[in-house]
Amino acid sequence: MSAYVDQVYREKGGVRWLLTDEERKHIVELLDTNESTVSHLKGTNMTIARMTCVKCGKRSGLDDLVHNAVEGGIHNKEFMVDVLVNGPKGASPLHHLDCSRCSERFKQMCTWHNDEDCGSWD
């Protein structure tokens, strides 16, 4: 049994990463938006369980996905706000994920779980 209560294994497959208050605040900062913009977010369905950064101990989260997309120049802030408010635009390939706290690369690649609830944020 995990000591963490930040994820739920789904019957349909994948793992629900439950959004923490710390992640929500970090996303607001990363996207220069208001907390009310992302207040509806509860979590996201991913293909793997959360990982723990080997360098700083941070648990992987939606804030890391946002950080990687924006800071890596993959998507702009406006696009990411739209995705968080309106949902993903489609399937996504596996991604390397770097820790948004210390930049260490997490050990596994991940993406959101691809089913009828693909990437559901609520």
N, C-alpha and C. Protein backbone atom coordinates (compact mmCIF):
# COMPACT_ATOMS: atom_id res chain seq x y z
N MET A 1 0.84 -1.18 0.00
CA MET A 1 0.00 0.00 0.00
C MET A 1 0.88 1.25 0.00
N SER A 2 0.55 2.20 -0.84
CA SER A 2 1.32 3.43 -0.97
C SER A 2 1.06 4.38 0.19
N ALA A 3 2.09 5.11 0.56
CA ALA A 3 1.95 6.14 1.60
C ALA A 3 1.31 7.40 1.03
N TYR A 4 1.18 7.47 -0.28
CA TYR A 4 0.63 8.65 -0.94
C TYR A 4 -0.85 8.46 -1.23
N VAL A 5 -1.61 9.54 -1.14
CA VAL A 5 -3.02 9.52 -1.51
C VAL A 5 -3.26 10.51 -2.65
N ASP A 6 -2.33 10.54 -3.58
CA ASP A 6 -2.40 11.48 -4.69
C ASP A 6 -2.68 10.81 -6.03
N GLN A 7 -3.14 9.55 -5.97
CA GLN A 7 -3.48 8.84 -7.20
C GLN A 7 -4.45 7.72 -6.90
N VAL A 8 -5.19 7.33 -7.95
CA VAL A 8 -6.17 6.24 -7.84
C VAL A 8 -6.02 5.38 -9.09
N TYR A 9 -5.91 4.08 -8.92
CA TYR A 9 -5.85 3.18 -10.06
C TYR A 9 -7.26 2.99 -10.61
N ARG A 10 -7.42 3.11 -11.93
CA ARG A 10 -8.73 3.07 -12.57
C ARG A 10 -9.04 1.67 -13.08
N GLU A 11 -10.31 1.28 -13.00
CA GLU A 11 -10.73 -0.03 -13.52
C GLU A 11 -10.53 -0.11 -15.03
N LYS A 12 -10.68 1.00 -15.74
CA LYS A 12 -10.54 1.04 -17.20
C LYS A 12 -9.08 1.06 -17.63
N GLY A 13 -8.18 1.09 -16.68
CA GLY A 13 -6.76 1.18 -16.98
C GLY A 13 -6.25 2.58 -16.68
N GLY A 14 -4.98 2.67 -16.52
CA GLY A 14 -4.38 3.96 -16.22
C GLY A 14 -4.48 4.30 -14.75
N VAL A 15 -3.95 5.45 -14.42
CA VAL A 15 -3.91 5.91 -13.04
C VAL A 15 -4.38 7.36 -13.00
N ARG A 16 -5.30 7.63 -12.11
CA ARG A 16 -5.80 8.99 -11.92
C ARG A 16 -4.85 9.74 -11.00
N TRP A 17 -4.13 10.75 -11.54
CA TRP A 17 -3.28 11.60 -10.73
C TRP A 17 -4.16 12.69 -10.15
N LEU A 18 -4.43 12.64 -8.86
CA LEU A 18 -5.28 13.63 -8.20
C LEU A 18 -4.50 14.93 -8.00
N LEU A 19 -5.08 16.02 -8.42
CA LEU A 19 -4.40 17.31 -8.34
C LEU A 19 -4.32 17.80 -6.90
N THR A 20 -3.13 18.13 -6.46
CA THR A 20 -2.94 18.64 -5.10
C THR A 20 -3.04 20.17 -5.12
N ASP A 21 -3.25 20.76 -3.96
CA ASP A 21 -3.31 22.22 -3.85
C ASP A 21 -1.99 22.85 -4.30
N GLU A 22 -0.89 22.21 -3.94
CA GLU A 22 0.44 22.72 -4.34
C GLU A 22 0.58 22.74 -5.86
N GLU A 23 0.14 21.66 -6.53
CA GLU A 23 0.21 21.61 -7.99
C GLU A 23 -0.66 22.68 -8.62
N ARG A 24 -1.88 22.85 -8.08
CA ARG A 24 -2.80 23.85 -8.62
C ARG A 24 -2.17 25.25 -8.54
N LYS A 25 -1.59 25.59 -7.40
CA LYS A 25 -0.94 26.90 -7.23
C LYS A 25 0.23 27.05 -8.20
N HIS A 26 0.98 25.98 -8.39
CA HIS A 26 2.12 26.02 -9.30
C HIS A 26 1.65 26.24 -10.74
N ILE A 27 0.57 25.59 -11.13
CA ILE A 27 0.01 25.76 -12.48
C ILE A 27 -0.43 27.20 -12.69
N VAL A 28 -1.09 27.79 -11.69
CA VAL A 28 -1.51 29.19 -11.77
C VAL A 28 -0.30 30.09 -12.01
N GLU A 29 0.78 29.85 -11.28
CA GLU A 29 2.01 30.64 -11.45
C GLU A 29 2.62 30.43 -12.83
N LEU A 30 2.70 29.18 -13.26
CA LEU A 30 3.31 28.86 -14.55
C LEU A 30 2.58 29.51 -15.71
N LEU A 31 1.25 29.57 -15.61
CA LEU A 31 0.44 30.07 -16.72
C LEU A 31 0.01 31.52 -16.55
N ASP A 32 0.47 32.17 -15.49
CA ASP A 32 0.10 33.57 -15.24
C ASP A 32 -1.41 33.76 -15.35
N THR A 33 -2.15 32.92 -14.65
CA THR A 33 -3.61 32.97 -14.72
C THR A 33 -4.18 33.08 -13.31
N ASN A 34 -5.49 33.11 -13.21
CA ASN A 34 -6.16 33.18 -11.92
C ASN A 34 -6.49 31.79 -11.43
N GLU A 35 -6.52 31.62 -10.12
CA GLU A 35 -6.86 30.32 -9.56
C GLU A 35 -8.25 29.85 -10.01
N SER A 36 -9.17 30.79 -10.21
CA SER A 36 -10.52 30.42 -10.64
C SER A 36 -10.52 29.75 -12.02
N THR A 37 -9.50 30.04 -12.82
CA THR A 37 -9.40 29.43 -14.16
C THR A 37 -9.19 27.93 -14.08
N VAL A 38 -8.49 27.48 -13.05
CA VAL A 38 -8.19 26.05 -12.92
C VAL A 38 -8.84 25.42 -11.70
N SER A 39 -9.80 26.12 -11.10
CA SER A 39 -10.43 25.61 -9.88
C SER A 39 -11.23 24.33 -10.12
N HIS A 40 -11.68 24.10 -11.37
CA HIS A 40 -12.46 22.90 -11.69
C HIS A 40 -11.59 21.65 -11.82
N LEU A 41 -10.28 21.81 -11.95
CA LEU A 41 -9.40 20.66 -12.16
C LEU A 41 -9.33 19.79 -10.92
N LYS A 42 -9.52 18.50 -11.11
CA LYS A 42 -9.44 17.54 -10.01
C LYS A 42 -8.25 16.59 -10.18
N GLY A 43 -7.84 16.36 -11.44
CA GLY A 43 -6.76 15.44 -11.72
C GLY A 43 -6.73 15.10 -13.19
N THR A 44 -5.88 14.16 -13.54
CA THR A 44 -5.80 13.72 -14.93
C THR A 44 -5.49 12.23 -14.97
N ASN A 45 -5.99 11.57 -16.00
CA ASN A 45 -5.79 10.13 -16.16
C ASN A 45 -4.51 9.88 -16.95
N MET A 46 -3.57 9.19 -16.34
CA MET A 46 -2.27 8.96 -16.95
C MET A 46 -2.05 7.46 -17.17
N THR A 47 -1.06 7.14 -18.00
CA THR A 47 -0.78 5.74 -18.31
C THR A 47 0.01 5.03 -17.23
N ILE A 48 0.69 5.78 -16.39
CA ILE A 48 1.52 5.18 -15.33
C ILE A 48 1.26 5.86 -14.00
N ALA A 49 1.69 5.21 -12.93
CA ALA A 49 1.59 5.80 -11.60
C ALA A 49 2.52 7.00 -11.49
N ARG A 50 2.21 7.87 -10.56
CA ARG A 50 3.10 9.01 -10.30
C ARG A 50 4.49 8.50 -9.97
N MET A 51 5.46 9.30 -10.34
CA MET A 51 6.85 8.98 -10.05
C MET A 51 7.37 9.95 -9.00
N THR A 52 8.44 9.57 -8.35
CA THR A 52 9.08 10.44 -7.37
C THR A 52 10.45 10.83 -7.90
N CYS A 53 10.71 12.12 -7.92
CA CYS A 53 11.99 12.63 -8.41
C CYS A 53 13.12 12.10 -7.53
N VAL A 54 14.13 11.52 -8.16
CA VAL A 54 15.25 10.94 -7.40
C VAL A 54 16.16 12.02 -6.82
N LYS A 55 16.06 13.24 -7.34
CA LYS A 55 16.93 14.32 -6.86
C LYS A 55 16.30 15.11 -5.71
N CYS A 56 15.02 15.51 -5.86
CA CYS A 56 14.42 16.39 -4.84
C CYS A 56 13.22 15.78 -4.11
N GLY A 57 12.72 14.63 -4.59
CA GLY A 57 11.61 13.96 -3.92
C GLY A 57 10.22 14.41 -4.34
N LYS A 58 10.11 15.37 -5.27
CA LYS A 58 8.80 15.82 -5.73
C LYS A 58 8.09 14.71 -6.47
N ARG A 59 6.78 14.59 -6.25
CA ARG A 59 5.97 13.63 -6.99
C ARG A 59 5.59 14.24 -8.34
N SER A 60 5.63 13.43 -9.40
CA SER A 60 5.25 13.92 -10.72
C SER A 60 3.79 14.35 -10.68
N GLY A 61 3.47 15.37 -11.47
CA GLY A 61 2.10 15.87 -11.47
C GLY A 61 1.78 16.67 -12.71
N LEU A 62 0.54 17.10 -12.76
CA LEU A 62 0.07 17.90 -13.89
C LEU A 62 0.90 19.19 -14.02
N ASP A 63 1.38 19.71 -12.92
CA ASP A 63 2.21 20.91 -12.98
C ASP A 63 3.52 20.65 -13.74
N ASP A 64 4.04 19.44 -13.64
CA ASP A 64 5.25 19.10 -14.40
C ASP A 64 4.95 19.05 -15.90
N LEU A 65 3.79 18.50 -16.26
CA LEU A 65 3.39 18.46 -17.67
C LEU A 65 3.26 19.87 -18.22
N VAL A 66 2.61 20.75 -17.46
CA VAL A 66 2.44 22.14 -17.88
C VAL A 66 3.81 22.82 -17.99
N HIS A 67 4.64 22.65 -16.98
CA HIS A 67 5.98 23.24 -16.97
C HIS A 67 6.78 22.80 -18.19
N ASN A 68 6.78 21.50 -18.46
CA ASN A 68 7.55 20.97 -19.60
C ASN A 68 7.04 21.54 -20.91
N ALA A 69 5.72 21.64 -21.07
CA ALA A 69 5.14 22.14 -22.32
C ALA A 69 5.47 23.62 -22.53
N VAL A 70 5.33 24.42 -21.49
CA VAL A 70 5.55 25.86 -21.61
C VAL A 70 7.04 26.21 -21.64
N GLU A 71 7.78 25.72 -20.66
CA GLU A 71 9.20 26.06 -20.58
C GLU A 71 10.01 25.43 -21.71
N GLY A 72 9.54 24.31 -22.23
CA GLY A 72 10.22 23.67 -23.34
C GLY A 72 9.85 24.25 -24.70
N GLY A 73 8.93 25.23 -24.70
CA GLY A 73 8.53 25.87 -25.95
C GLY A 73 7.64 25.01 -26.82
N ILE A 74 7.08 23.96 -26.26
CA ILE A 74 6.21 23.06 -27.03
C ILE A 74 4.85 23.71 -27.25
N HIS A 75 4.30 24.32 -26.19
CA HIS A 75 3.02 25.02 -26.26
C HIS A 75 3.14 26.34 -25.52
N ASN A 76 2.34 27.33 -25.95
CA ASN A 76 2.35 28.60 -25.23
C ASN A 76 1.35 28.55 -24.07
N LYS A 77 1.40 29.55 -23.22
CA LYS A 77 0.55 29.57 -22.03
C LYS A 77 -0.93 29.58 -22.38
N GLU A 78 -1.30 30.33 -23.42
CA GLU A 78 -2.70 30.42 -23.82
C GLU A 78 -3.22 29.05 -24.26
N PHE A 79 -2.42 28.33 -25.02
CA PHE A 79 -2.81 26.99 -25.46
C PHE A 79 -3.02 26.08 -24.25
N MET A 80 -2.10 26.13 -23.30
CA MET A 80 -2.20 25.27 -22.12
C MET A 80 -3.42 25.61 -21.27
N VAL A 81 -3.73 26.89 -21.13
CA VAL A 81 -4.95 27.27 -20.40
C VAL A 81 -6.16 26.69 -21.12
N ASP A 82 -6.20 26.80 -22.45
CA ASP A 82 -7.31 26.25 -23.23
C ASP A 82 -7.44 24.74 -23.02
N VAL A 83 -6.33 24.03 -23.03
CA VAL A 83 -6.35 22.57 -22.82
C VAL A 83 -6.87 22.25 -21.42
N LEU A 84 -6.44 22.99 -20.43
CA LEU A 84 -6.88 22.72 -19.06
C LEU A 84 -8.35 23.05 -18.85
N VAL A 85 -8.83 24.09 -19.54
CA VAL A 85 -10.23 24.49 -19.39
C VAL A 85 -11.15 23.61 -20.24
N ASN A 86 -10.74 23.31 -21.48
CA ASN A 86 -11.61 22.62 -22.43
C ASN A 86 -11.24 21.17 -22.71
N GLY A 87 -10.13 20.70 -22.17
CA GLY A 87 -9.72 19.32 -22.37
C GLY A 87 -8.68 19.18 -23.46
N PRO A 88 -8.00 18.04 -23.49
CA PRO A 88 -6.97 17.77 -24.49
C PRO A 88 -7.53 17.79 -25.90
N LYS A 89 -6.67 18.06 -26.84
CA LYS A 89 -7.06 18.17 -28.25
C LYS A 89 -6.97 16.84 -28.98
N GLY A 90 -6.58 15.78 -28.30
CA GLY A 90 -6.46 14.47 -28.93
C GLY A 90 -5.42 13.64 -28.23
N ALA A 91 -5.12 12.51 -28.82
CA ALA A 91 -4.13 11.60 -28.24
C ALA A 91 -2.76 12.28 -28.23
N SER A 92 -1.91 11.80 -27.35
CA SER A 92 -0.59 12.38 -27.21
C SER A 92 0.45 11.27 -27.15
N PRO A 93 1.61 11.49 -27.76
CA PRO A 93 2.67 10.48 -27.68
C PRO A 93 3.26 10.45 -26.27
N LEU A 94 4.04 9.42 -25.99
CA LEU A 94 4.75 9.36 -24.72
C LEU A 94 5.71 10.54 -24.61
N HIS A 95 5.83 11.07 -23.41
CA HIS A 95 6.71 12.21 -23.16
C HIS A 95 7.73 11.87 -22.08
N HIS A 96 8.94 12.39 -22.26
CA HIS A 96 9.85 12.46 -21.12
C HIS A 96 9.27 13.54 -20.23
N LEU A 97 9.48 13.42 -18.95
CA LEU A 97 8.94 14.40 -18.01
C LEU A 97 10.06 14.84 -17.08
N ASP A 98 10.32 16.14 -17.06
CA ASP A 98 11.33 16.69 -16.16
C ASP A 98 10.64 17.30 -14.95
N CYS A 99 11.25 17.14 -13.81
CA CYS A 99 10.73 17.70 -12.56
C CYS A 99 10.72 19.23 -12.66
N SER A 100 9.59 19.83 -12.36
CA SER A 100 9.48 21.29 -12.44
C SER A 100 10.16 21.99 -11.26
N ARG A 101 10.55 21.24 -10.26
CA ARG A 101 11.24 21.84 -9.10
C ARG A 101 12.75 21.88 -9.31
N CYS A 102 13.34 20.79 -9.83
CA CYS A 102 14.81 20.73 -9.90
C CYS A 102 15.34 20.38 -11.30
N SER A 103 14.46 20.12 -12.26
CA SER A 103 14.81 19.81 -13.66
C SER A 103 15.35 18.41 -13.89
N GLU A 104 15.38 17.57 -12.85
CA GLU A 104 15.81 16.17 -13.02
C GLU A 104 14.76 15.44 -13.86
N ARG A 105 15.21 14.59 -14.77
CA ARG A 105 14.28 13.82 -15.59
C ARG A 105 13.72 12.65 -14.78
N PHE A 106 12.38 12.51 -14.79
CA PHE A 106 11.76 11.34 -14.17
C PHE A 106 12.16 10.11 -14.96
N LYS A 107 12.17 8.95 -14.31
CA LYS A 107 12.72 7.73 -14.90
C LYS A 107 11.88 7.14 -16.03
N GLN A 108 10.56 7.33 -15.99
CA GLN A 108 9.70 6.73 -17.01
C GLN A 108 9.10 7.81 -17.90
N MET A 109 8.70 7.41 -19.11
CA MET A 109 7.96 8.29 -19.99
C MET A 109 6.48 8.10 -19.69
N CYS A 110 5.68 9.12 -19.98
CA CYS A 110 4.26 9.00 -19.69
C CYS A 110 3.44 9.84 -20.66
N THR A 111 2.15 9.59 -20.65
CA THR A 111 1.16 10.39 -21.37
C THR A 111 -0.17 10.17 -20.68
N TRP A 112 -1.19 10.89 -21.11
CA TRP A 112 -2.48 10.63 -20.48
C TRP A 112 -3.06 9.34 -21.02
N HIS A 113 -3.91 8.71 -20.22
CA HIS A 113 -4.50 7.43 -20.59
C HIS A 113 -5.48 7.65 -21.73
N ASN A 114 -5.36 6.87 -22.79
CA ASN A 114 -6.13 7.07 -24.01
C ASN A 114 -7.35 6.16 -24.05
N ASP A 115 -8.45 6.62 -23.47
CA ASP A 115 -9.74 5.93 -23.59
C ASP A 115 -10.81 6.99 -23.74
N GLU A 116 -12.08 6.63 -23.56
CA GLU A 116 -13.13 7.63 -23.77
C GLU A 116 -13.03 8.78 -22.77
N ASP A 117 -12.32 8.58 -21.69
CA ASP A 117 -12.09 9.65 -20.73
C ASP A 117 -10.69 10.23 -20.91
N CYS A 118 -10.17 10.14 -22.12
CA CYS A 118 -8.80 10.54 -22.42
C CYS A 118 -8.45 11.89 -21.81
N GLY A 119 -7.54 11.84 -20.86
CA GLY A 119 -7.03 13.07 -20.30
C GLY A 119 -8.04 13.89 -19.52
N SER A 120 -9.15 13.31 -19.17
CA SER A 120 -10.17 14.06 -18.44
C SER A 120 -9.57 14.75 -17.23
N TRP A 121 -9.84 16.03 -17.10
CA TRP A 121 -9.24 16.82 -16.02
C TRP A 121 -10.12 16.88 -14.79
N ASP A 122 -11.40 16.57 -14.92
CA ASP A 122 -12.28 16.74 -13.75
C ASP A 122 -12.53 15.46 -13.01
